[in-house]
Amino acid sequence: PMTILVLGGTGHVGSHLVRNLLDQGQSVRVLVRNADRASLVPADAQAVVVDVVGDPDGARAAFQGIEAVFMLNAATTIRPSTVS
């Protein structure tokens, strides 16, 4: 099996993806930003709690040994006037 990291794995689409990957026999790690969301990760997947933006060094460990990454997030637009 591959070791796959899923970002956004506790959301509506991501949770289905995680379950599908597990059903296929893959090793799944789910990155969550806060410990409250970790309880939403299935027991047969590994939850890793880290704030990727606030703690990039901590995030590095979450990517250790990963062979593939799925990143699922809502599409957003950034207006130039809001970028500093």
C-alpha atoms as a PDB file:
ATOM      1  CA  PRO A   1       0.000   0.000   0.000  1.00  0.00           C
ATOM      2  CA  MET A   2       0.955   3.627  -0.530  1.00  0.00           C
ATOM      3  CA  THR A   3       1.220   6.071   2.348  1.00  0.00           C
ATOM      4  CA  ILE A   4      -1.089   8.952   1.445  1.00  0.00           C
ATOM      5  CA  LEU A   5      -1.493  12.299   3.228  1.00  0.00           C
ATOM      6  CA  VAL A   6      -4.902  13.940   2.967  1.00  0.00           C
ATOM      7  CA  LEU A   7      -5.270  17.649   3.745  1.00  0.00           C
ATOM      8  CA  GLY A   8      -8.945  18.478   4.226  1.00  0.00           C
ATOM      9  CA  GLY A   9      -9.724  14.874   5.130  1.00  0.00           C
ATOM     10  CA  THR A  10     -12.346  15.718   7.767  1.00  0.00           C
ATOM     11  CA  GLY A  11     -14.583  17.718   5.445  1.00  0.00           C
ATOM     12  CA  HIS A  12     -17.540  16.482   3.420  1.00  0.00           C
ATOM     13  CA  VAL A  13     -15.596  15.357   0.344  1.00  0.00           C
ATOM     14  CA  GLY A  14     -12.351  14.589   2.186  1.00  0.00           C
ATOM     15  CA  SER A  15     -13.965  12.208   4.652  1.00  0.00           C
ATOM     16  CA  HIS A  16     -15.346  10.151   1.758  1.00  0.00           C
ATOM     17  CA  LEU A  17     -11.931  10.141   0.098  1.00  0.00           C
ATOM     18  CA  VAL A  18     -10.248   8.945   3.299  1.00  0.00           C
ATOM     19  CA  ARG A  19     -12.765   6.110   3.706  1.00  0.00           C
ATOM     20  CA  ASN A  20     -12.343   5.112   0.034  1.00  0.00           C
ATOM     21  CA  LEU A  21      -8.546   5.036   0.331  1.00  0.00           C
ATOM     22  CA  LEU A  22      -8.754   2.935   3.498  1.00  0.00           C
ATOM     23  CA  ASP A  23     -11.189   0.539   1.814  1.00  0.00           C
ATOM     24  CA  GLN A  24      -8.579   0.127  -0.961  1.00  0.00           C
ATOM     25  CA  GLY A  25      -6.009  -0.899   1.655  1.00  0.00           C
ATOM     26  CA  GLN A  26      -3.953   2.310   1.527  1.00  0.00           C
ATOM     27  CA  SER A  27      -2.140   3.725   4.545  1.00  0.00           C
ATOM     28  CA  VAL A  28      -3.767   7.111   5.202  1.00  0.00           C
ATOM     29  CA  ARG A  29      -2.553  10.052   7.253  1.00  0.00           C
ATOM     30  CA  VAL A  30      -4.927  12.998   7.712  1.00  0.00           C
ATOM     31  CA  LEU A  31      -3.563  16.431   8.537  1.00  0.00           C
ATOM     32  CA  VAL A  32      -5.873  18.505  10.738  1.00  0.00           C
ATOM     33  CA  ARG A  33      -5.323  22.021  12.077  1.00  0.00           C
ATOM     34  CA  ASN A  34      -6.792  21.521  15.539  1.00  0.00           C
ATOM     35  CA  ALA A  35      -7.193  18.617  17.938  1.00  0.00           C
ATOM     36  CA  ASP A  36     -11.003  18.914  17.917  1.00  0.00           C
ATOM     37  CA  ARG A  37     -11.058  17.767  14.275  1.00  0.00           C
ATOM     38  CA  ALA A  38      -8.781  14.782  14.952  1.00  0.00           C
ATOM     39  CA  SER A  39     -11.713  12.886  16.467  1.00  0.00           C
ATOM     40  CA  LEU A  40     -13.368  12.957  13.017  1.00  0.00           C
ATOM     41  CA  VAL A  41     -10.555  10.872  11.497  1.00  0.00           C
ATOM     42  CA  PRO A  42     -11.375   7.139  11.228  1.00  0.00           C
ATOM     43  CA  ALA A  43      -9.529   4.946  13.739  1.00  0.00           C
ATOM     44  CA  ASP A  44      -7.725   3.071  10.958  1.00  0.00           C
ATOM     45  CA  ALA A  45      -6.177   6.301   9.627  1.00  0.00           C
ATOM     46  CA  GLN A  46      -3.522   8.379  11.361  1.00  0.00           C
ATOM     47  CA  ALA A  47      -4.501  11.901  12.427  1.00  0.00           C
ATOM     48  CA  VAL A  48      -1.703  14.464  12.583  1.00  0.00           C
ATOM     49  CA  VAL A  49      -2.519  17.768  14.270  1.00  0.00           C
ATOM     50  CA  VAL A  50      -0.425  20.648  12.954  1.00  0.00           C
ATOM     51  CA  ASP A  51      -0.944  24.211  11.735  1.00  0.00           C
ATOM     52  CA  VAL A  52       0.889  24.130   8.403  1.00  0.00           C
ATOM     53  CA  VAL A  53       1.045  27.917   8.098  1.00  0.00           C
ATOM     54  CA  GLY A  54       1.840  28.700  11.733  1.00  0.00           C
ATOM     55  CA  ASP A  55       4.257  25.799  12.263  1.00  0.00           C
ATOM     56  CA  PRO A  56       5.946  24.851   8.980  1.00  0.00           C
ATOM     57  CA  ASP A  57       8.630  22.844  10.797  1.00  0.00           C
ATOM     58  CA  GLY A  58       5.951  20.779  12.537  1.00  0.00           C
ATOM     59  CA  ALA A  59       4.263  20.233   9.187  1.00  0.00           C
ATOM     60  CA  ARG A  60       7.487  18.817   7.789  1.00  0.00           C
ATOM     61  CA  ALA A  61       7.104  15.771  10.060  1.00  0.00           C
ATOM     62  CA  ALA A  62       3.565  15.172   8.756  1.00  0.00           C
ATOM     63  CA  PHE A  63       4.987  14.763   5.243  1.00  0.00           C
ATOM     64  CA  GLN A  64       7.706  12.296   6.319  1.00  0.00           C
ATOM     65  CA  GLY A  65       7.370   9.010   4.394  1.00  0.00           C
ATOM     66  CA  ILE A  66       4.430  10.224   2.300  1.00  0.00           C
ATOM     67  CA  GLU A  67       4.159   8.942  -1.275  1.00  0.00           C
ATOM     68  CA  ALA A  68       1.117  10.967  -2.416  1.00  0.00           C
ATOM     69  CA  VAL A  69      -0.832  13.999  -1.214  1.00  0.00           C
ATOM     70  CA  PHE A  70      -4.461  14.981  -1.688  1.00  0.00           C
ATOM     71  CA  MET A  71      -5.310  18.577  -0.837  1.00  0.00           C
ATOM     72  CA  LEU A  72      -9.016  19.338  -0.678  1.00  0.00           C
ATOM     73  CA  ASN A  73     -10.097  22.867   0.102  1.00  0.00           C
ATOM     74  CA  ALA A  74     -12.763  25.311  -0.922  1.00  0.00           C
ATOM     75  CA  ALA A  75     -11.923  27.559  -3.827  1.00  0.00           C
ATOM     76  CA  THR A  76     -11.432  31.157  -2.794  1.00  0.00           C
ATOM     77  CA  THR A  77     -10.422  34.353  -4.488  1.00  0.00           C
ATOM     78  CA  ILE A  78      -8.079  36.918  -3.033  1.00  0.00           C
ATOM     79  CA  ARG A  79      -8.753  40.493  -3.928  1.00  0.00           C
ATOM     80  CA  PRO A  80      -5.594  42.547  -4.477  1.00  0.00           C
ATOM     81  CA  SER A  81      -6.767  45.144  -1.960  1.00  0.00           C
ATOM     82  CA  THR A  82      -6.815  42.486   0.816  1.00  0.00           C
ATOM     83  CA  VAL A  83      -3.254  41.262   0.227  1.00  0.00           C
ATOM     84  CA  SER A  84      -0.652  42.994   2.376  1.00  0.00           C
END
